[in-house]
Every structure is written in structure tokens, then in C-alpha cells.
Amino acid sequence: MSDDTPPPSVEPSRRRSAMPPLRAAAWSLCLLIASGIVVCVALAFVRSTALTAVTVTALDAAQEPRDHALPLVRQTEALPDYEIVLRGRRLFEHRSLGVKPDRSAVDGLRWEAAPPVALAEVVAVDLRERDAILSDTLATAQPTVAAVQDGNYRFEFETGRSWEAGVESFFDTPIGKALTAGIMLAIVALVLLPFLGPL
């Protein structure tokens, strides 16, 4: 005796477990957003090593620049006006850490970077003799862990972790901008999904 009852086309359990396409898309977008944020945080941490201070020492006082060489005449004012300038990745991107007027660097002069600057953003550090008309670059160094000597001057760099500097540096890179744009587009798509149908 044959059974004329047709078999079900889809099992009930399989019908219940099927996820609607819009819900699957929503979960995919959430995963994409979360992954993008994790990548941004990790890469920002990598770039969070920042320059916090620079110390410059003149090795020979006789080689320091002087405003004049007249004996017994305003000897204090004859001392150089030292300035530290950080050169950035972009052309003409400079940041001055300030001027120390009428000071000798024989005993060392220290400049603090406030706020700290990500090392990845500093191409070189210039020591300049500030002048009202034209400032002369006396020595140049790249920030490193060890002390650096250029001519008559020794540079020592202090570094530390700065989350703010790392975030600012990362989101200024092409990768940071691309990831930001991708995350924003994914968020917009996630917001618009409910308007396309029930999730």
C-alpha cells in the first residue's frame, strides 16, 4: 500500500534556523565595524611612542655662537638664543619647542614637548640660534634611544607612551583615513538596513 502523502519540501527545523538576509547583513556589518575599531586601536598603540623632551649639550663653550666678541661688554646678552624645532613629515611642517635666550648649553638645556609628539611624525630635530632676521641651524639629529652628536652638540631624547599622540598620528595616515571612512560607511549602512525590511 503506497503512501500518497507528499514529503515536506523543507524540514521544520531547517525553516526555523534560516536567518533572514537582512539580519545576516546586519551581523556582518557589526563584525566589520568591530574588526575595524580593533585594528585602529592596535595601530594607534603602535604609533603611541612619543617624544616628550629634548636635551642639548654644547661640548665646547668656545664654539658656541656669540652675538658679539667684545670683552667685558654685556657678556650675558652675548650668549646664544637657542631654539629647538621639530620637523614633521610634511613639507614646511615645523613645531618650535621654544627659545631659551642668552643661555649657554655647556651644562645642558632641556626642552619639553607639551603635548608629546609621536616619534613617527618627527623627521628631524633642529637646534637653531634664534635671530631677529634669520635663524641659523647649528645642528640636526633624528630622535633615537641613544644620544646623538652633531658637530659641537649632543642631543638626548626622552620618550614615553602617549595615547593621544598615537591616535592623532594614526588617523592622519592614509590607512587611518581609509579605515575611518570604511567604518563610517558600515555604520551608515547598518542604520539604513531597518528601512529595507524587517530584520
N, C-alpha and C. Protein backbone atom coordinates (compact mmCIF):
# COMPACT_ATOMS: atom_id res chain seq x y z
N MET A 1 0.85 -1.19 0.00
CA MET A 1 0.00 0.00 0.00
C MET A 1 0.89 1.25 0.00
N SER A 2 0.70 2.11 -0.98
CA SER A 2 1.57 3.28 -1.13
C SER A 2 1.06 4.45 -0.30
N ASP A 3 2.01 5.24 0.15
CA ASP A 3 1.67 6.44 0.92
C ASP A 3 1.61 7.62 -0.03
N ASP A 4 0.39 8.22 -0.16
CA ASP A 4 0.23 9.32 -1.11
C ASP A 4 0.57 10.68 -0.50
N THR A 5 0.98 10.71 0.78
CA THR A 5 1.30 12.00 1.42
C THR A 5 2.64 12.52 0.90
N PRO A 6 2.69 13.70 0.29
CA PRO A 6 3.96 14.21 -0.26
C PRO A 6 4.91 14.61 0.87
N PRO A 7 6.18 14.33 0.70
CA PRO A 7 7.16 14.72 1.73
C PRO A 7 7.29 16.23 1.80
N PRO A 8 7.52 16.75 2.99
CA PRO A 8 7.69 18.22 3.11
C PRO A 8 8.91 18.69 2.33
N SER A 9 8.76 19.82 1.70
CA SER A 9 9.87 20.33 0.88
C SER A 9 11.05 20.76 1.74
N VAL A 10 10.77 21.34 2.92
CA VAL A 10 11.83 21.77 3.83
C VAL A 10 11.47 21.32 5.22
N GLU A 11 12.42 20.77 5.92
CA GLU A 11 12.17 20.33 7.28
C GLU A 11 11.85 21.53 8.16
N PRO A 12 10.92 21.36 9.16
CA PRO A 12 10.58 22.49 10.04
C PRO A 12 11.77 23.07 10.75
N SER A 13 12.69 22.20 11.24
CA SER A 13 13.85 22.71 11.97
C SER A 13 14.74 23.55 11.07
N ARG A 14 14.84 23.13 9.80
CA ARG A 14 15.66 23.90 8.88
C ARG A 14 15.03 25.25 8.57
N ARG A 15 13.68 25.28 8.49
CA ARG A 15 12.99 26.54 8.24
C ARG A 15 13.19 27.51 9.41
N ARG A 16 13.17 26.97 10.64
CA ARG A 16 13.34 27.83 11.81
C ARG A 16 14.75 28.38 11.92
N SER A 17 15.77 27.61 11.46
CA SER A 17 17.16 28.03 11.63
C SER A 17 17.64 28.97 10.54
N ALA A 18 16.90 29.13 9.47
CA ALA A 18 17.33 30.01 8.39
C ALA A 18 17.30 31.46 8.85
N MET A 19 18.42 32.20 8.63
CA MET A 19 18.50 33.60 9.05
C MET A 19 18.09 34.50 7.89
N PRO A 20 17.22 35.46 8.14
CA PRO A 20 16.83 36.40 7.09
C PRO A 20 18.05 37.12 6.53
N PRO A 21 18.06 37.40 5.23
CA PRO A 21 19.23 38.06 4.61
C PRO A 21 19.60 39.39 5.26
N LEU A 22 18.59 40.19 5.62
CA LEU A 22 18.90 41.49 6.22
C LEU A 22 19.55 41.35 7.59
N ARG A 23 19.11 40.32 8.35
CA ARG A 23 19.72 40.10 9.66
C ARG A 23 21.17 39.63 9.49
N ALA A 24 21.39 38.77 8.51
CA ALA A 24 22.76 38.31 8.23
C ALA A 24 23.64 39.49 7.82
N ALA A 25 23.08 40.39 7.02
CA ALA A 25 23.85 41.57 6.62
C ALA A 25 24.16 42.46 7.82
N ALA A 26 23.19 42.58 8.75
CA ALA A 26 23.41 43.40 9.94
C ALA A 26 24.53 42.83 10.80
N TRP A 27 24.53 41.51 10.99
CA TRP A 27 25.59 40.87 11.77
C TRP A 27 26.95 41.05 11.08
N SER A 28 26.97 40.95 9.76
CA SER A 28 28.22 41.13 9.02
C SER A 28 28.76 42.54 9.18
N LEU A 29 27.86 43.52 9.13
CA LEU A 29 28.28 44.91 9.31
C LEU A 29 28.80 45.16 10.72
N CYS A 30 28.13 44.58 11.71
CA CYS A 30 28.59 44.72 13.11
C CYS A 30 29.99 44.12 13.27
N LEU A 31 30.21 42.96 12.66
CA LEU A 31 31.53 42.32 12.74
C LEU A 31 32.57 43.18 12.04
N LEU A 32 32.21 43.76 10.91
CA LEU A 32 33.13 44.61 10.17
C LEU A 32 33.50 45.85 10.98
N ILE A 33 32.51 46.47 11.61
CA ILE A 33 32.76 47.67 12.42
C ILE A 33 33.66 47.34 13.61
N ALA A 34 33.34 46.24 14.31
CA ALA A 34 34.14 45.85 15.47
C ALA A 34 35.58 45.54 15.07
N SER A 35 35.76 44.83 13.95
CA SER A 35 37.11 44.50 13.49
C SER A 35 37.88 45.76 13.12
N GLY A 36 37.21 46.70 12.46
CA GLY A 36 37.87 47.95 12.09
C GLY A 36 38.32 48.74 13.31
N ILE A 37 37.48 48.78 14.34
CA ILE A 37 37.84 49.51 15.56
C ILE A 37 39.03 48.86 16.25
N VAL A 38 39.05 47.52 16.31
CA VAL A 38 40.17 46.81 16.93
C VAL A 38 41.47 47.10 16.19
N VAL A 39 41.42 47.08 14.85
CA VAL A 39 42.61 47.37 14.05
C VAL A 39 43.09 48.80 14.29
N CYS A 40 42.16 49.75 14.36
CA CYS A 40 42.53 51.15 14.61
C CYS A 40 43.21 51.31 15.97
N VAL A 41 42.66 50.66 16.98
CA VAL A 41 43.25 50.76 18.32
C VAL A 41 44.66 50.16 18.34
N ALA A 42 44.83 49.01 17.68
CA ALA A 42 46.14 48.35 17.67
C ALA A 42 47.18 49.20 16.95
N LEU A 43 46.82 49.74 15.78
CA LEU A 43 47.78 50.54 15.02
C LEU A 43 48.06 51.88 15.70
N ALA A 44 47.08 52.44 16.38
CA ALA A 44 47.32 53.68 17.13
C ALA A 44 48.28 53.42 18.29
N PHE A 45 48.16 52.26 18.92
CA PHE A 45 49.08 51.92 20.02
C PHE A 45 50.51 51.78 19.49
N VAL A 46 50.66 51.20 18.31
CA VAL A 46 51.99 51.04 17.72
C VAL A 46 52.65 52.41 17.52
N ARG A 47 51.87 53.41 17.19
CA ARG A 47 52.41 54.74 16.92
C ARG A 47 52.37 55.65 18.15
N SER A 48 52.11 55.09 19.32
CA SER A 48 51.94 55.92 20.52
C SER A 48 53.26 56.25 21.23
N THR A 49 54.40 55.72 20.74
CA THR A 49 55.68 56.13 21.31
C THR A 49 55.94 57.58 20.91
N ALA A 50 56.08 58.44 21.90
CA ALA A 50 56.12 59.88 21.62
C ALA A 50 57.36 60.53 22.22
N LEU A 51 57.77 61.60 21.58
CA LEU A 51 58.88 62.42 22.08
C LEU A 51 58.34 63.35 23.16
N THR A 52 58.93 63.28 24.35
CA THR A 52 58.45 64.10 25.47
C THR A 52 59.41 65.23 25.84
N ALA A 53 60.71 65.07 25.54
CA ALA A 53 61.67 66.12 25.90
C ALA A 53 62.96 65.94 25.09
N VAL A 54 63.66 67.06 24.91
CA VAL A 54 64.95 67.08 24.21
C VAL A 54 65.94 67.85 25.06
N THR A 55 67.12 67.25 25.27
CA THR A 55 68.20 67.92 26.00
C THR A 55 69.39 68.08 25.06
N VAL A 56 69.91 69.29 24.97
CA VAL A 56 71.05 69.58 24.11
C VAL A 56 72.20 70.10 24.97
N THR A 57 73.39 69.55 24.72
CA THR A 57 74.58 69.96 25.47
C THR A 57 75.66 70.39 24.49
N ALA A 58 76.25 71.56 24.74
CA ALA A 58 77.38 72.03 23.94
C ALA A 58 78.65 71.39 24.48
N LEU A 59 79.44 70.81 23.60
CA LEU A 59 80.65 70.11 24.02
C LEU A 59 81.81 71.07 24.27
N ASP A 60 81.82 72.21 23.59
CA ASP A 60 82.89 73.19 23.75
C ASP A 60 82.27 74.59 23.76
N ALA A 61 82.40 75.27 24.90
CA ALA A 61 81.80 76.60 25.02
C ALA A 61 82.40 77.60 24.04
N ALA A 62 83.67 77.40 23.69
CA ALA A 62 84.33 78.34 22.78
C ALA A 62 83.73 78.30 21.38
N GLN A 63 83.06 77.19 21.04
CA GLN A 63 82.48 77.06 19.70
C GLN A 63 81.02 77.49 19.64
N GLU A 64 80.47 77.90 20.78
CA GLU A 64 79.09 78.38 20.76
C GLU A 64 79.01 79.74 20.06
N PRO A 65 77.94 79.99 19.31
CA PRO A 65 77.82 81.29 18.65
C PRO A 65 77.64 82.42 19.66
N ARG A 66 78.12 83.58 19.31
CA ARG A 66 78.02 84.76 20.17
C ARG A 66 77.43 85.92 19.38
N ASP A 67 76.67 86.76 20.08
CA ASP A 67 76.13 87.95 19.43
C ASP A 67 77.24 88.97 19.14
N HIS A 68 78.26 88.98 20.00
CA HIS A 68 79.42 89.84 19.75
C HIS A 68 80.60 89.27 20.51
N ALA A 69 81.80 89.71 20.16
CA ALA A 69 83.02 89.21 20.79
C ALA A 69 83.73 90.30 21.59
N LEU A 70 83.01 91.32 22.01
CA LEU A 70 83.62 92.42 22.76
C LEU A 70 83.80 92.01 24.22
N PRO A 71 85.00 92.07 24.74
CA PRO A 71 85.23 91.68 26.14
C PRO A 71 84.59 92.68 27.11
N LEU A 72 84.07 92.15 28.20
CA LEU A 72 83.50 92.95 29.30
C LEU A 72 82.28 93.77 28.90
N VAL A 73 81.70 93.47 27.77
CA VAL A 73 80.53 94.22 27.31
C VAL A 73 79.34 93.27 27.18
N ARG A 74 78.39 93.41 28.08
CA ARG A 74 77.15 92.64 28.03
C ARG A 74 77.42 91.16 27.68
N GLN A 75 78.23 90.53 28.51
CA GLN A 75 78.60 89.15 28.23
C GLN A 75 77.41 88.19 28.31
N THR A 76 76.48 88.48 29.22
CA THR A 76 75.31 87.60 29.33
C THR A 76 74.44 87.69 28.08
N GLU A 77 74.24 88.91 27.59
CA GLU A 77 73.42 89.09 26.39
C GLU A 77 74.13 88.60 25.14
N ALA A 78 75.43 88.39 25.22
CA ALA A 78 76.17 87.89 24.06
C ALA A 78 75.95 86.40 23.85
N LEU A 79 75.43 85.72 24.87
CA LEU A 79 75.20 84.28 24.74
C LEU A 79 74.11 83.99 23.71
N PRO A 80 74.13 82.80 23.13
CA PRO A 80 73.17 82.50 22.06
C PRO A 80 71.74 82.33 22.56
N ASP A 81 70.82 82.53 21.63
CA ASP A 81 69.40 82.28 21.89
C ASP A 81 69.05 80.96 21.20
N TYR A 82 69.08 79.88 21.96
CA TYR A 82 68.86 78.55 21.38
C TYR A 82 67.37 78.26 21.22
N GLU A 83 67.06 77.57 20.14
CA GLU A 83 65.68 77.15 19.87
C GLU A 83 65.68 75.73 19.31
N ILE A 84 64.74 74.91 19.76
CA ILE A 84 64.56 73.56 19.22
C ILE A 84 63.32 73.56 18.33
N VAL A 85 63.50 73.03 17.11
CA VAL A 85 62.40 72.96 16.14
C VAL A 85 62.26 71.51 15.67
N LEU A 86 61.04 70.99 15.76
CA LEU A 86 60.75 69.64 15.27
C LEU A 86 60.26 69.74 13.84
N ARG A 87 60.90 68.99 12.95
CA ARG A 87 60.46 68.97 11.55
C ARG A 87 59.56 67.76 11.32
N GLY A 88 58.38 68.01 10.76
CA GLY A 88 57.40 66.95 10.53
C GLY A 88 57.54 66.29 9.17
N ARG A 89 56.63 65.34 8.91
CA ARG A 89 56.67 64.58 7.66
C ARG A 89 56.32 65.44 6.46
N ARG A 90 55.46 66.39 6.64
CA ARG A 90 55.03 67.23 5.52
C ARG A 90 56.01 68.39 5.31
N LEU A 91 56.05 68.86 4.07
CA LEU A 91 56.90 69.99 3.74
C LEU A 91 56.43 71.23 4.50
N PHE A 92 57.39 71.94 5.07
CA PHE A 92 57.13 73.16 5.84
C PHE A 92 56.34 72.89 7.13
N GLU A 93 56.30 71.64 7.57
CA GLU A 93 55.64 71.33 8.85
C GLU A 93 56.67 71.39 9.97
N HIS A 94 56.61 72.44 10.76
CA HIS A 94 57.57 72.65 11.84
C HIS A 94 56.84 72.96 13.13
N ARG A 95 57.47 72.57 14.22
CA ARG A 95 56.93 72.91 15.54
C ARG A 95 58.07 73.33 16.45
N SER A 96 57.99 74.54 16.96
CA SER A 96 59.01 75.05 17.86
C SER A 96 58.69 74.66 19.29
N LEU A 97 59.72 74.22 20.01
CA LEU A 97 59.57 73.90 21.43
C LEU A 97 59.94 75.08 22.32
N GLY A 98 60.22 76.22 21.69
CA GLY A 98 60.52 77.41 22.47
C GLY A 98 61.96 77.86 22.34
N VAL A 99 62.20 79.08 22.79
CA VAL A 99 63.53 79.70 22.72
C VAL A 99 64.05 79.91 24.14
N LYS A 100 65.34 79.61 24.33
CA LYS A 100 66.00 79.88 25.61
C LYS A 100 67.02 81.00 25.36
N PRO A 101 66.63 82.24 25.61
CA PRO A 101 67.50 83.38 25.26
C PRO A 101 68.68 83.53 26.21
N ASP A 102 69.80 83.94 25.61
CA ASP A 102 71.02 84.28 26.37
C ASP A 102 71.41 83.17 27.33
N ARG A 103 71.51 81.97 26.79
CA ARG A 103 71.87 80.81 27.62
C ARG A 103 72.99 80.02 26.95
N SER A 104 73.91 79.53 27.75
CA SER A 104 74.92 78.60 27.25
C SER A 104 74.40 77.18 27.42
N ALA A 105 74.77 76.31 26.48
CA ALA A 105 74.32 74.92 26.53
C ALA A 105 75.40 73.99 27.07
N VAL A 106 76.44 74.55 27.66
CA VAL A 106 77.54 73.72 28.18
C VAL A 106 77.04 72.77 29.26
N ASP A 107 76.16 73.24 30.11
CA ASP A 107 75.62 72.39 31.18
C ASP A 107 74.35 71.67 30.76
N GLY A 108 73.96 71.84 29.52
CA GLY A 108 72.76 71.17 29.01
C GLY A 108 71.52 72.04 29.13
N LEU A 109 70.75 72.09 28.07
CA LEU A 109 69.47 72.80 28.05
C LEU A 109 68.38 71.80 27.68
N ARG A 110 67.28 71.87 28.41
CA ARG A 110 66.21 70.88 28.22
C ARG A 110 64.92 71.56 27.76
N TRP A 111 64.34 70.99 26.70
CA TRP A 111 63.04 71.45 26.20
C TRP A 111 62.02 70.33 26.36
N GLU A 112 60.85 70.65 26.87
CA GLU A 112 59.77 69.68 26.98
C GLU A 112 58.82 69.83 25.80
N ALA A 113 58.36 68.69 25.29
CA ALA A 113 57.36 68.69 24.22
C ALA A 113 55.99 68.51 24.86
N ALA A 114 55.23 69.58 24.93
CA ALA A 114 53.91 69.53 25.55
C ALA A 114 52.88 70.12 24.58
N PRO A 115 51.98 69.30 24.07
CA PRO A 115 51.84 67.87 24.32
C PRO A 115 52.91 67.06 23.58
N PRO A 116 53.12 65.80 24.00
CA PRO A 116 54.10 64.96 23.32
C PRO A 116 53.76 64.77 21.84
N VAL A 117 54.81 64.49 21.06
CA VAL A 117 54.66 64.30 19.61
C VAL A 117 55.06 62.87 19.26
N ALA A 118 54.22 62.18 18.49
CA ALA A 118 54.54 60.81 18.08
C ALA A 118 55.87 60.80 17.32
N LEU A 119 56.74 59.84 17.67
CA LEU A 119 58.04 59.76 17.01
C LEU A 119 57.89 59.57 15.51
N ALA A 120 56.84 58.86 15.11
CA ALA A 120 56.62 58.62 13.68
C ALA A 120 56.38 59.92 12.91
N GLU A 121 56.02 60.99 13.62
CA GLU A 121 55.74 62.27 12.97
C GLU A 121 56.96 63.18 12.91
N VAL A 122 58.04 62.81 13.60
CA VAL A 122 59.22 63.68 13.67
C VAL A 122 60.29 63.16 12.71
N VAL A 123 60.59 63.95 11.69
CA VAL A 123 61.63 63.57 10.74
C VAL A 123 63.01 63.94 11.28
N ALA A 124 63.12 65.11 11.88
CA ALA A 124 64.40 65.57 12.42
C ALA A 124 64.17 66.62 13.48
N VAL A 125 65.19 66.81 14.31
CA VAL A 125 65.16 67.84 15.36
C VAL A 125 66.29 68.82 15.08
N ASP A 126 65.94 70.08 14.89
CA ASP A 126 66.94 71.11 14.59
C ASP A 126 67.22 71.96 15.82
N LEU A 127 68.51 72.22 16.05
CA LEU A 127 68.92 73.21 17.05
C LEU A 127 69.27 74.48 16.30
N ARG A 128 68.58 75.55 16.61
CA ARG A 128 68.79 76.81 15.90
C ARG A 128 69.23 77.91 16.85
N GLU A 129 69.97 78.86 16.27
CA GLU A 129 70.35 80.07 17.00
C GLU A 129 69.40 81.15 16.53
N ARG A 130 68.47 81.52 17.41
CA ARG A 130 67.39 82.43 17.02
C ARG A 130 67.93 83.84 16.80
N ASP A 131 67.54 84.39 15.67
CA ASP A 131 67.95 85.75 15.34
C ASP A 131 66.73 86.51 14.86
N ALA A 132 66.73 87.81 15.07
CA ALA A 132 65.57 88.62 14.68
C ALA A 132 65.36 88.59 13.17
N ILE A 133 66.44 88.44 12.40
CA ILE A 133 66.33 88.45 10.94
C ILE A 133 66.35 87.04 10.38
N LEU A 134 67.35 86.27 10.72
CA LEU A 134 67.50 84.93 10.16
C LEU A 134 68.03 83.99 11.23
N SER A 135 67.37 82.86 11.41
CA SER A 135 67.81 81.87 12.39
C SER A 135 68.71 80.85 11.71
N ASP A 136 69.84 80.57 12.34
CA ASP A 136 70.80 79.61 11.79
C ASP A 136 70.60 78.24 12.43
N THR A 137 70.63 77.19 11.61
CA THR A 137 70.58 75.83 12.12
C THR A 137 71.98 75.40 12.51
N LEU A 138 72.20 75.13 13.78
CA LEU A 138 73.52 74.77 14.29
C LEU A 138 73.79 73.28 14.24
N ALA A 139 72.75 72.47 14.45
CA ALA A 139 72.91 71.02 14.47
C ALA A 139 71.55 70.37 14.22
N THR A 140 71.60 69.15 13.71
CA THR A 140 70.38 68.40 13.40
C THR A 140 70.56 66.95 13.82
N ALA A 141 69.49 66.35 14.34
CA ALA A 141 69.55 64.94 14.75
C ALA A 141 68.18 64.31 14.56
N GLN A 142 68.19 62.98 14.42
CA GLN A 142 66.96 62.21 14.39
C GLN A 142 66.75 61.58 15.75
N PRO A 143 65.52 61.60 16.27
CA PRO A 143 65.26 61.05 17.61
C PRO A 143 65.58 59.56 17.68
N THR A 144 66.42 59.18 18.61
CA THR A 144 66.78 57.78 18.84
C THR A 144 66.88 57.54 20.34
N VAL A 145 67.03 56.27 20.70
CA VAL A 145 67.18 55.93 22.12
C VAL A 145 68.53 56.41 22.65
N ALA A 146 69.58 56.23 21.84
CA ALA A 146 70.92 56.65 22.26
C ALA A 146 71.13 58.12 21.96
N ALA A 147 72.11 58.72 22.65
CA ALA A 147 72.46 60.12 22.41
C ALA A 147 73.05 60.27 21.01
N VAL A 148 72.80 61.42 20.41
CA VAL A 148 73.27 61.70 19.05
C VAL A 148 74.12 62.96 19.09
N GLN A 149 75.28 62.91 18.42
CA GLN A 149 76.16 64.08 18.37
C GLN A 149 76.22 64.60 16.94
N ASP A 150 76.10 65.91 16.82
CA ASP A 150 76.26 66.57 15.53
C ASP A 150 77.08 67.83 15.75
N GLY A 151 78.31 67.81 15.26
CA GLY A 151 79.20 68.95 15.46
C GLY A 151 79.53 69.15 16.92
N ASN A 152 79.26 70.33 17.42
CA ASN A 152 79.61 70.68 18.80
C ASN A 152 78.49 70.36 19.79
N TYR A 153 77.45 69.65 19.33
CA TYR A 153 76.28 69.47 20.19
C TYR A 153 75.88 68.00 20.31
N ARG A 154 75.44 67.66 21.52
CA ARG A 154 74.94 66.31 21.79
C ARG A 154 73.44 66.40 22.12
N PHE A 155 72.66 65.56 21.43
CA PHE A 155 71.21 65.51 21.64
C PHE A 155 70.87 64.27 22.46
N GLU A 156 70.00 64.45 23.44
CA GLU A 156 69.44 63.33 24.20
C GLU A 156 67.92 63.45 24.19
N PHE A 157 67.27 62.34 23.89
CA PHE A 157 65.82 62.36 23.70
C PHE A 157 65.12 61.52 24.77
N GLU A 158 64.03 62.06 25.29
CA GLU A 158 63.19 61.34 26.24
C GLU A 158 61.88 60.97 25.54
N THR A 159 61.47 59.72 25.71
CA THR A 159 60.24 59.25 25.06
C THR A 159 59.31 58.59 26.08
N GLY A 160 58.08 58.45 25.70
CA GLY A 160 57.08 57.79 26.55
C GLY A 160 55.86 57.45 25.72
N ARG A 161 54.91 56.76 26.33
CA ARG A 161 53.68 56.40 25.65
C ARG A 161 52.67 57.55 25.78
N SER A 162 52.08 57.90 24.65
CA SER A 162 51.03 58.93 24.64
C SER A 162 49.91 58.44 23.73
N TRP A 163 48.78 58.06 24.36
CA TRP A 163 47.65 57.57 23.58
C TRP A 163 47.13 58.66 22.64
N GLU A 164 47.09 59.88 23.13
CA GLU A 164 46.59 60.99 22.30
C GLU A 164 47.47 61.19 21.07
N ALA A 165 48.79 61.16 21.26
CA ALA A 165 49.70 61.34 20.13
C ALA A 165 49.59 60.18 19.15
N GLY A 166 49.43 58.95 19.67
CA GLY A 166 49.29 57.79 18.79
C GLY A 166 48.04 57.85 17.95
N VAL A 167 46.92 58.22 18.57
CA VAL A 167 45.65 58.32 17.83
C VAL A 167 45.73 59.41 16.77
N GLU A 168 46.25 60.57 17.16
CA GLU A 168 46.35 61.68 16.21
C GLU A 168 47.26 61.31 15.03
N SER A 169 48.37 60.64 15.33
CA SER A 169 49.30 60.25 14.27
C SER A 169 48.69 59.21 13.34
N PHE A 170 48.02 58.20 13.92
CA PHE A 170 47.46 57.13 13.09
C PHE A 170 46.36 57.63 12.16
N PHE A 171 45.43 58.41 12.70
CA PHE A 171 44.31 58.86 11.87
C PHE A 171 44.71 59.93 10.87
N ASP A 172 45.97 60.36 10.92
CA ASP A 172 46.48 61.29 9.91
C ASP A 172 47.15 60.55 8.76
N THR A 173 47.27 59.22 8.86
CA THR A 173 47.88 58.42 7.80
C THR A 173 46.82 58.00 6.78
N PRO A 174 47.24 57.64 5.55
CA PRO A 174 46.27 57.16 4.56
C PRO A 174 45.48 55.94 5.03
N ILE A 175 46.15 55.01 5.73
CA ILE A 175 45.45 53.82 6.24
C ILE A 175 44.41 54.23 7.28
N GLY A 176 44.78 55.13 8.17
CA GLY A 176 43.84 55.59 9.19
C GLY A 176 42.63 56.27 8.58
N LYS A 177 42.86 57.10 7.57
CA LYS A 177 41.73 57.78 6.91
C LYS A 177 40.85 56.78 6.17
N ALA A 178 41.46 55.77 5.52
CA ALA A 178 40.68 54.77 4.80
C ALA A 178 39.84 53.92 5.76
N LEU A 179 40.44 53.51 6.88
CA LEU A 179 39.69 52.72 7.86
C LEU A 179 38.55 53.54 8.47
N THR A 180 38.80 54.80 8.74
CA THR A 180 37.74 55.66 9.28
C THR A 180 36.58 55.77 8.30
N ALA A 181 36.90 55.97 7.03
CA ALA A 181 35.84 56.07 6.02
C ALA A 181 35.07 54.76 5.91
N GLY A 182 35.79 53.62 5.96
CA GLY A 182 35.12 52.32 5.88
C GLY A 182 34.19 52.08 7.06
N ILE A 183 34.64 52.42 8.26
CA ILE A 183 33.81 52.24 9.46
C ILE A 183 32.57 53.13 9.40
N MET A 184 32.74 54.36 8.96
CA MET A 184 31.60 55.28 8.87
C MET A 184 30.57 54.79 7.85
N LEU A 185 31.05 54.27 6.71
CA LEU A 185 30.13 53.74 5.70
C LEU A 185 29.37 52.53 6.24
N ALA A 186 30.09 51.67 6.99
CA ALA A 186 29.44 50.48 7.56
C ALA A 186 28.37 50.89 8.58
N ILE A 187 28.64 51.92 9.37
CA ILE A 187 27.66 52.39 10.35
C ILE A 187 26.43 52.96 9.65
N VAL A 188 26.65 53.73 8.59
CA VAL A 188 25.52 54.29 7.83
C VAL A 188 24.68 53.17 7.23
N ALA A 189 25.35 52.15 6.67
CA ALA A 189 24.61 51.02 6.09
C ALA A 189 23.81 50.28 7.16
N LEU A 190 24.40 50.14 8.36
CA LEU A 190 23.70 49.45 9.45
C LEU A 190 22.46 50.23 9.89
N VAL A 191 22.56 51.54 9.91
CA VAL A 191 21.41 52.38 10.29
C VAL A 191 20.30 52.30 9.25
N LEU A 192 20.67 52.18 7.98
CA LEU A 192 19.67 52.16 6.91
C LEU A 192 19.03 50.79 6.70
N LEU A 193 19.63 49.73 7.22
CA LEU A 193 19.09 48.38 7.00
C LEU A 193 17.63 48.22 7.42
N PRO A 194 17.20 48.69 8.60
CA PRO A 194 15.80 48.50 9.01
C PRO A 194 14.79 49.12 8.04
N PHE A 195 15.20 50.11 7.27
CA PHE A 195 14.28 50.73 6.32
C PHE A 195 14.06 49.85 5.08
N LEU A 196 14.92 48.84 4.91
CA LEU A 196 14.77 47.96 3.75
C LEU A 196 13.84 46.79 4.03
N GLY A 197 13.53 46.55 5.30
CA GLY A 197 12.65 45.44 5.65
C GLY A 197 12.91 44.99 7.06
N PRO A 198 12.09 44.08 7.58
CA PRO A 198 12.27 43.58 8.95
C PRO A 198 13.53 42.74 9.07
N LEU A 199 14.22 42.91 10.20
CA LEU A 199 15.41 42.11 10.47
C LEU A 199 15.04 40.80 11.15
